[in-house]
C-alpha atoms as a PDB file:
ATOM      1  CA  UNK A   1     173.998 180.085 121.222  1.00  0.00           C
ATOM      2  CA  UNK A   2     172.411 178.484 118.114  1.00  0.00           C
ATOM      3  CA  UNK A   3     169.988 180.522 116.049  1.00  0.00           C
ATOM      4  CA  UNK A   4     166.289 179.871 116.500  1.00  0.00           C
ATOM      5  CA  UNK A   5     164.909 177.577 113.837  1.00  0.00           C
ATOM      6  CA  UNK A   6     161.570 177.509 112.065  1.00  0.00           C
ATOM      7  CA  UNK A   7     160.066 174.331 110.649  1.00  0.00           C
ATOM      8  CA  UNK A   8     159.825 174.423 106.852  1.00  0.00           C
ATOM      9  CA  UNK A   9     158.317 171.881 104.496  1.00  0.00           C
ATOM     10  CA  UNK A  10     159.773 171.503 101.013  1.00  0.00           C
ATOM     11  CA  UNK A  11     158.850 169.334  98.068  1.00  0.00           C
ATOM     12  CA  UNK A  12     161.712 167.473  96.370  1.00  0.00           C
ATOM     13  CA  UNK A  13     161.750 165.272  93.301  1.00  0.00           C
ATOM     14  CA  UNK A  14     162.253 161.666  94.439  1.00  0.00           C
ATOM     15  CA  UNK A  15     165.677 161.376  92.781  1.00  0.00           C
ATOM     16  CA  UNK A  16     166.967 164.532  94.484  1.00  0.00           C
ATOM     17  CA  UNK A  17     165.573 163.404  97.823  1.00  0.00           C
ATOM     18  CA  UNK A  18     167.296 160.027  97.541  1.00  0.00           C
ATOM     19  CA  UNK A  19     170.609 161.628  96.548  1.00  0.00           C
ATOM     20  CA  UNK A  20     170.335 164.104  99.434  1.00  0.00           C
ATOM     21  CA  UNK A  21     169.571 161.331 101.935  1.00  0.00           C
ATOM     22  CA  UNK A  22     172.541 159.306 100.662  1.00  0.00           C
ATOM     23  CA  UNK A  23     174.852 162.333 100.895  1.00  0.00           C
ATOM     24  CA  UNK A  24     173.637 163.125 104.422  1.00  0.00           C
ATOM     25  CA  UNK A  25     174.202 159.503 105.482  1.00  0.00           C
ATOM     26  CA  UNK A  26     177.720 159.510 103.993  1.00  0.00           C
ATOM     27  CA  UNK A  27     178.540 162.732 105.865  1.00  0.00           C
ATOM     28  CA  UNK A  28     176.981 161.467 109.086  1.00  0.00           C
ATOM     29  CA  UNK A  29     174.500 164.340 109.334  1.00  0.00           C
ATOM     30  CA  UNK A  30     170.739 164.700 109.202  1.00  0.00           C
ATOM     31  CA  UNK A  31     168.942 165.677 106.020  1.00  0.00           C
ATOM     32  CA  UNK A  32     168.015 168.971 107.703  1.00  0.00           C
ATOM     33  CA  UNK A  33     171.656 169.751 108.491  1.00  0.00           C
ATOM     34  CA  UNK A  34     172.705 168.906 104.932  1.00  0.00           C
ATOM     35  CA  UNK A  35     170.033 171.240 103.540  1.00  0.00           C
ATOM     36  CA  UNK A  36     170.940 174.061 105.968  1.00  0.00           C
ATOM     37  CA  UNK A  37     174.641 173.736 105.110  1.00  0.00           C
ATOM     38  CA  UNK A  38     173.877 173.620 101.383  1.00  0.00           C
ATOM     39  CA  UNK A  39     171.720 176.736 101.578  1.00  0.00           C
ATOM     40  CA  UNK A  40     174.421 178.566 103.543  1.00  0.00           C
ATOM     41  CA  UNK A  41     176.918 177.784 100.782  1.00  0.00           C
ATOM     42  CA  UNK A  42     174.446 178.705  98.021  1.00  0.00           C
ATOM     43  CA  UNK A  43     173.485 182.025  99.625  1.00  0.00           C
ATOM     44  CA  UNK A  44     176.764 183.540 100.861  1.00  0.00           C
ATOM     45  CA  UNK A  45     175.972 187.191 100.071  1.00  0.00           C
ATOM     46  CA  UNK A  46     172.313 187.232 101.020  1.00  0.00           C
ATOM     47  CA  UNK A  47     171.518 188.685 104.431  1.00  0.00           C
ATOM     48  CA  UNK A  48     168.242 188.906 106.271  1.00  0.00           C
ATOM     49  CA  UNK A  49     168.354 192.697 105.892  1.00  0.00           C
ATOM     50  CA  UNK A  50     168.329 192.274 102.125  1.00  0.00           C
ATOM     51  CA  UNK A  51     165.021 190.434 102.474  1.00  0.00           C
ATOM     52  CA  UNK A  52     163.448 192.687 105.108  1.00  0.00           C
ATOM     53  CA  UNK A  53     160.040 193.028 103.515  1.00  0.00           C
ATOM     54  CA  UNK A  54     156.859 193.095 105.588  1.00  0.00           C
ATOM     55  CA  UNK A  55     155.299 190.643 103.159  1.00  0.00           C
ATOM     56  CA  UNK A  56     157.759 187.953 104.300  1.00  0.00           C
ATOM     57  CA  UNK A  57     157.584 188.628 108.037  1.00  0.00           C
ATOM     58  CA  UNK A  58     156.258 185.725 110.065  1.00  0.00           C
ATOM     59  CA  UNK A  59     153.676 187.815 111.891  1.00  0.00           C
ATOM     60  CA  UNK A  60     150.080 186.834 112.449  1.00  0.00           C
ATOM     61  CA  UNK A  61     147.648 189.740 112.389  1.00  0.00           C
ATOM     62  CA  UNK A  62     145.165 189.485 115.202  1.00  0.00           C
ATOM     63  CA  UNK A  63     142.078 191.582 114.753  1.00  0.00           C
ATOM     64  CA  UNK A  64     139.744 192.870 112.087  1.00  0.00           C
ATOM     65  CA  UNK A  65     141.414 193.955 108.869  1.00  0.00           C
ATOM     66  CA  UNK A  66     140.588 197.041 106.845  1.00  0.00           C
ATOM     67  CA  UNK A  67     137.761 196.553 104.371  1.00  0.00           C
ATOM     68  CA  UNK A  68     139.898 197.845 101.487  1.00  0.00           C
ATOM     69  CA  UNK A  69     143.000 195.712 102.136  1.00  0.00           C
ATOM     70  CA  UNK A  70     142.726 193.877  98.811  1.00  0.00           C
ATOM     71  CA  UNK A  71     142.726 197.175  96.925  1.00  0.00           C
ATOM     72  CA  UNK A  72     145.257 199.091  99.022  1.00  0.00           C
ATOM     73  CA  UNK A  73     147.615 196.318 100.120  1.00  0.00           C
ATOM     74  CA  UNK A  74     150.715 198.311  99.077  1.00  0.00           C
ATOM     75  CA  UNK A  75     149.713 201.135 101.393  1.00  0.00           C
ATOM     76  CA  UNK A  76     149.251 198.742 104.312  1.00  0.00           C
ATOM     77  CA  UNK A  77     152.410 196.721 103.635  1.00  0.00           C
ATOM     78  CA  UNK A  78     154.772 199.499 102.596  1.00  0.00           C
ATOM     79  CA  UNK A  79     152.999 202.692 103.659  1.00  0.00           C
ATOM     80  CA  UNK A  80     153.059 203.588  99.981  1.00  0.00           C
ATOM     81  CA  UNK A  81     150.181 204.388  97.655  1.00  0.00           C
ATOM     82  CA  UNK A  82     150.211 202.307  94.423  1.00  0.00           C
END
């Protein structure tokens, strides 16, 4: 079963975008597939666990936030006083 995918927008310099589109066309794949494959090759030793940080979780907080969140964000993110 394929992994779930999330839509991501990236900004590319025009020259890099054109080269990537040409490469994808030559390989017979989409630009998205070329980018996914390239990232897989570029990040062989990086696992999701290595990046498991609450700051990067794709979670939407629903409800009122603490009044002091801007001052005590480390405590709320990492359960750690600064």
